[in-house]
Amino acid sequence: MKRLVISDRMFSILLLLIVLVTTIAFDIMMFVATARADAGAPALTVSPAASSPAVHSTAPADSSRFEYPGSEADAPKRPTAEPSPI
């Protein structure tokens, strides 16, 4: 069975092609995002409830309050506003 041999020149060409394709794809994404922003479209966001099925939002989308299933003891504790003694 013949082994695949990649020369230095072929490796350089492949690397250059990967970089060019990645750069062009990123430029297209940025162009589309800029065009959407200029047209007044909202930014593409993922709501916390959609990314984590265990969290159910009970407040408006801009709030950080969530209802956790189960008892209060299961909910993560939020730090208090009291200053810590140093």
N, C-alpha and C. Protein backbone atom coordinates (compact mmCIF):
# COMPACT_ATOMS: atom_id res chain seq x y z
N MET A 1 0.85 -1.18 0.00
CA MET A 1 0.00 0.00 0.00
C MET A 1 0.89 1.24 0.00
N LYS A 2 0.57 2.17 -0.87
CA LYS A 2 1.40 3.36 -1.01
C LYS A 2 1.06 4.37 0.07
N ARG A 3 2.10 4.93 0.68
CA ARG A 3 1.90 5.94 1.74
C ARG A 3 1.70 7.30 1.11
N LEU A 4 0.87 8.11 1.79
CA LEU A 4 0.63 9.47 1.33
C LEU A 4 1.78 10.35 1.78
N VAL A 5 2.45 10.97 0.84
CA VAL A 5 3.57 11.84 1.15
C VAL A 5 3.19 13.27 0.75
N ILE A 6 3.27 14.17 1.72
CA ILE A 6 2.95 15.57 1.46
C ILE A 6 4.25 16.36 1.52
N SER A 7 4.56 17.01 0.42
CA SER A 7 5.79 17.79 0.37
C SER A 7 5.61 19.10 1.14
N ASP A 8 6.73 19.78 1.38
CA ASP A 8 6.66 21.07 2.07
C ASP A 8 5.84 22.07 1.28
N ARG A 9 5.98 22.05 -0.02
CA ARG A 9 5.24 22.99 -0.86
C ARG A 9 3.74 22.70 -0.80
N MET A 10 3.38 21.43 -0.86
CA MET A 10 1.96 21.06 -0.80
C MET A 10 1.37 21.43 0.57
N PHE A 11 2.13 21.23 1.63
CA PHE A 11 1.68 21.60 2.97
C PHE A 11 1.44 23.11 3.05
N SER A 12 2.35 23.88 2.49
CA SER A 12 2.21 25.34 2.50
C SER A 12 0.97 25.78 1.73
N ILE A 13 0.73 25.15 0.60
CA ILE A 13 -0.44 25.50 -0.21
C ILE A 13 -1.73 25.14 0.54
N LEU A 14 -1.76 23.97 1.17
CA LEU A 14 -2.95 23.57 1.93
C LEU A 14 -3.20 24.52 3.11
N LEU A 15 -2.13 24.88 3.80
CA LEU A 15 -2.26 25.81 4.92
C LEU A 15 -2.77 27.16 4.45
N LEU A 16 -2.24 27.64 3.33
CA LEU A 16 -2.68 28.92 2.77
C LEU A 16 -4.16 28.86 2.38
N LEU A 17 -4.58 27.75 1.79
CA LEU A 17 -5.99 27.61 1.40
C LEU A 17 -6.90 27.60 2.62
N ILE A 18 -6.49 26.92 3.69
CA ILE A 18 -7.30 26.89 4.91
C ILE A 18 -7.44 28.29 5.50
N VAL A 19 -6.34 29.03 5.54
CA VAL A 19 -6.37 30.39 6.07
C VAL A 19 -7.25 31.29 5.20
N LEU A 20 -7.14 31.18 3.88
CA LEU A 20 -7.94 32.00 2.98
C LEU A 20 -9.44 31.71 3.12
N VAL A 21 -9.79 30.42 3.17
CA VAL A 21 -11.21 30.06 3.29
C VAL A 21 -11.77 30.54 4.62
N THR A 22 -11.01 30.38 5.70
CA THR A 22 -11.46 30.84 7.02
C THR A 22 -11.63 32.36 7.03
N THR A 23 -10.68 33.08 6.46
CA THR A 23 -10.76 34.54 6.43
C THR A 23 -11.95 35.01 5.61
N ILE A 24 -12.17 34.40 4.46
CA ILE A 24 -13.30 34.80 3.62
C ILE A 24 -14.62 34.51 4.33
N ALA A 25 -14.73 33.37 4.99
CA ALA A 25 -15.96 33.05 5.72
C ALA A 25 -16.20 34.04 6.84
N PHE A 26 -15.16 34.41 7.58
CA PHE A 26 -15.31 35.39 8.66
C PHE A 26 -15.72 36.75 8.10
N ASP A 27 -15.11 37.15 6.98
CA ASP A 27 -15.47 38.44 6.37
C ASP A 27 -16.93 38.45 5.93
N ILE A 28 -17.41 37.35 5.39
CA ILE A 28 -18.82 37.28 4.97
C ILE A 28 -19.73 37.38 6.18
N MET A 29 -19.38 36.68 7.27
CA MET A 29 -20.20 36.75 8.49
C MET A 29 -20.26 38.18 9.04
N MET A 30 -19.11 38.85 9.05
CA MET A 30 -19.08 40.23 9.56
C MET A 30 -19.86 41.16 8.65
N PHE A 31 -19.78 40.95 7.34
CA PHE A 31 -20.54 41.77 6.40
C PHE A 31 -22.04 41.61 6.63
N VAL A 32 -22.47 40.36 6.81
CA VAL A 32 -23.90 40.11 7.05
C VAL A 32 -24.34 40.73 8.37
N ALA A 33 -23.53 40.59 9.42
CA ALA A 33 -23.89 41.16 10.73
C ALA A 33 -23.96 42.68 10.65
N THR A 34 -23.03 43.30 9.93
CA THR A 34 -23.05 44.75 9.78
C THR A 34 -24.27 45.19 8.98
N ALA A 35 -24.60 44.46 7.93
CA ALA A 35 -25.77 44.81 7.13
C ALA A 35 -27.05 44.69 7.95
N ARG A 36 -27.12 43.65 8.80
CA ARG A 36 -28.31 43.49 9.66
C ARG A 36 -28.40 44.63 10.66
N ALA A 37 -27.26 45.01 11.24
CA ALA A 37 -27.26 46.09 12.23
C ALA A 37 -27.64 47.41 11.58
N ASP A 38 -27.14 47.65 10.38
CA ASP A 38 -27.48 48.89 9.66
C ASP A 38 -28.96 48.94 9.29
N ALA A 39 -29.56 47.78 9.08
CA ALA A 39 -30.97 47.72 8.73
C ALA A 39 -31.86 47.79 9.97
N GLY A 40 -31.27 47.79 11.15
CA GLY A 40 -32.04 47.89 12.38
C GLY A 40 -32.52 46.57 12.93
N ALA A 41 -32.02 45.48 12.41
CA ALA A 41 -32.43 44.17 12.92
C ALA A 41 -31.77 43.92 14.28
N PRO A 42 -32.45 43.22 15.17
CA PRO A 42 -31.84 42.92 16.47
C PRO A 42 -30.67 41.96 16.33
N ALA A 43 -29.77 42.02 17.29
CA ALA A 43 -28.62 41.11 17.27
C ALA A 43 -29.09 39.69 17.54
N LEU A 44 -28.37 38.74 17.00
CA LEU A 44 -28.72 37.34 17.22
C LEU A 44 -28.24 36.93 18.60
N THR A 45 -29.16 36.54 19.47
CA THR A 45 -28.81 36.15 20.83
C THR A 45 -29.45 34.81 21.15
N VAL A 46 -28.93 34.16 22.15
CA VAL A 46 -29.48 32.90 22.64
C VAL A 46 -29.96 33.14 24.06
N SER A 47 -31.23 32.86 24.31
CA SER A 47 -31.75 33.06 25.65
C SER A 47 -31.22 31.97 26.57
N PRO A 48 -31.04 32.28 27.86
CA PRO A 48 -30.53 31.26 28.79
C PRO A 48 -31.44 30.04 28.87
N ALA A 49 -32.74 30.23 28.73
CA ALA A 49 -33.66 29.10 28.82
C ALA A 49 -33.47 28.15 27.65
N ALA A 50 -33.10 28.70 26.49
CA ALA A 50 -32.90 27.85 25.32
C ALA A 50 -31.59 27.08 25.41
N SER A 51 -30.59 27.67 26.05
CA SER A 51 -29.29 27.01 26.12
C SER A 51 -29.22 26.00 27.25
N SER A 52 -30.04 26.17 28.28
CA SER A 52 -30.03 25.23 29.40
C SER A 52 -31.47 24.84 29.74
N PRO A 53 -31.88 23.62 29.44
CA PRO A 53 -33.28 23.25 29.66
C PRO A 53 -33.65 23.19 31.14
N ALA A 54 -32.69 23.14 32.06
CA ALA A 54 -33.00 23.06 33.48
C ALA A 54 -33.39 24.42 34.06
N VAL A 55 -33.15 25.49 33.32
CA VAL A 55 -33.44 26.84 33.82
C VAL A 55 -34.69 27.35 33.12
N HIS A 56 -35.68 27.76 33.90
CA HIS A 56 -36.91 28.29 33.34
C HIS A 56 -37.03 29.75 33.73
N SER A 57 -37.06 30.62 32.75
CA SER A 57 -37.10 32.05 33.02
C SER A 57 -38.50 32.44 33.44
N THR A 58 -38.62 33.18 34.55
CA THR A 58 -39.91 33.68 35.00
C THR A 58 -39.93 35.20 34.96
N ALA A 59 -38.83 35.82 34.55
CA ALA A 59 -38.72 37.27 34.53
C ALA A 59 -38.52 37.73 33.09
N PRO A 60 -38.56 39.05 32.87
CA PRO A 60 -38.28 39.53 31.51
C PRO A 60 -36.90 39.08 31.03
N ALA A 61 -36.70 39.12 29.71
CA ALA A 61 -35.49 38.58 29.11
C ALA A 61 -34.22 39.29 29.59
N ASP A 62 -34.33 40.56 29.98
CA ASP A 62 -33.13 41.28 30.38
C ASP A 62 -32.80 41.11 31.86
N SER A 63 -33.59 40.33 32.58
CA SER A 63 -33.35 40.15 34.01
C SER A 63 -32.48 38.91 34.24
N SER A 64 -31.83 38.86 35.38
CA SER A 64 -30.99 37.70 35.69
C SER A 64 -31.65 36.80 36.73
N ARG A 65 -32.95 36.98 36.99
CA ARG A 65 -33.64 36.13 37.96
C ARG A 65 -34.24 34.93 37.24
N PHE A 66 -33.99 33.75 37.78
CA PHE A 66 -34.52 32.53 37.20
C PHE A 66 -35.14 31.68 38.29
N GLU A 67 -36.08 30.86 37.89
CA GLU A 67 -36.69 29.92 38.82
C GLU A 67 -36.06 28.55 38.58
N TYR A 68 -35.52 27.97 39.61
CA TYR A 68 -34.88 26.68 39.50
C TYR A 68 -35.86 25.60 39.97
N PRO A 69 -35.99 24.50 39.22
CA PRO A 69 -36.89 23.44 39.67
C PRO A 69 -36.33 22.79 40.94
N GLY A 70 -37.22 22.37 41.78
CA GLY A 70 -36.80 21.75 43.03
C GLY A 70 -36.95 22.72 44.18
N SER A 71 -36.31 22.39 45.29
CA SER A 71 -36.45 23.21 46.48
C SER A 71 -35.48 24.39 46.44
N GLU A 72 -35.65 25.30 47.38
CA GLU A 72 -34.76 26.46 47.48
C GLU A 72 -33.33 26.03 47.80
N ALA A 73 -33.19 24.89 48.49
CA ALA A 73 -31.85 24.43 48.85
C ALA A 73 -31.06 24.00 47.62
N ASP A 74 -31.78 23.60 46.55
CA ASP A 74 -31.10 23.17 45.33
C ASP A 74 -30.62 24.34 44.48
N ALA A 75 -31.21 25.52 44.69
CA ALA A 75 -30.86 26.68 43.86
C ALA A 75 -29.47 27.20 44.21
N PRO A 76 -28.73 27.64 43.21
CA PRO A 76 -27.40 28.19 43.50
C PRO A 76 -27.51 29.44 44.37
N LYS A 77 -26.58 29.58 45.28
CA LYS A 77 -26.59 30.74 46.18
C LYS A 77 -25.95 31.94 45.51
N ARG A 78 -26.59 33.10 45.65
CA ARG A 78 -26.03 34.34 45.12
C ARG A 78 -25.24 35.02 46.23
N PRO A 79 -24.13 35.64 45.89
CA PRO A 79 -23.34 36.31 46.92
C PRO A 79 -24.12 37.50 47.50
N THR A 80 -23.94 37.73 48.77
CA THR A 80 -24.62 38.85 49.41
C THR A 80 -23.87 40.14 49.13
N ALA A 81 -24.55 41.26 49.35
CA ALA A 81 -23.95 42.56 49.08
C ALA A 81 -23.11 43.05 50.25
N GLU A 82 -23.06 42.27 51.32
CA GLU A 82 -22.29 42.70 52.48
C GLU A 82 -20.80 42.64 52.18
N PRO A 83 -20.06 43.66 52.58
CA PRO A 83 -18.60 43.61 52.35
C PRO A 83 -17.95 42.59 53.27
N SER A 84 -16.96 41.91 52.74
CA SER A 84 -16.28 40.92 53.55
C SER A 84 -15.23 41.60 54.43
N PRO A 85 -15.08 41.15 55.66
CA PRO A 85 -14.06 41.75 56.53
C PRO A 85 -12.67 41.38 56.04
N ILE A 86 -11.82 42.36 56.00
CA ILE A 86 -10.45 42.14 55.50
C ILE A 86 -9.48 42.22 56.66
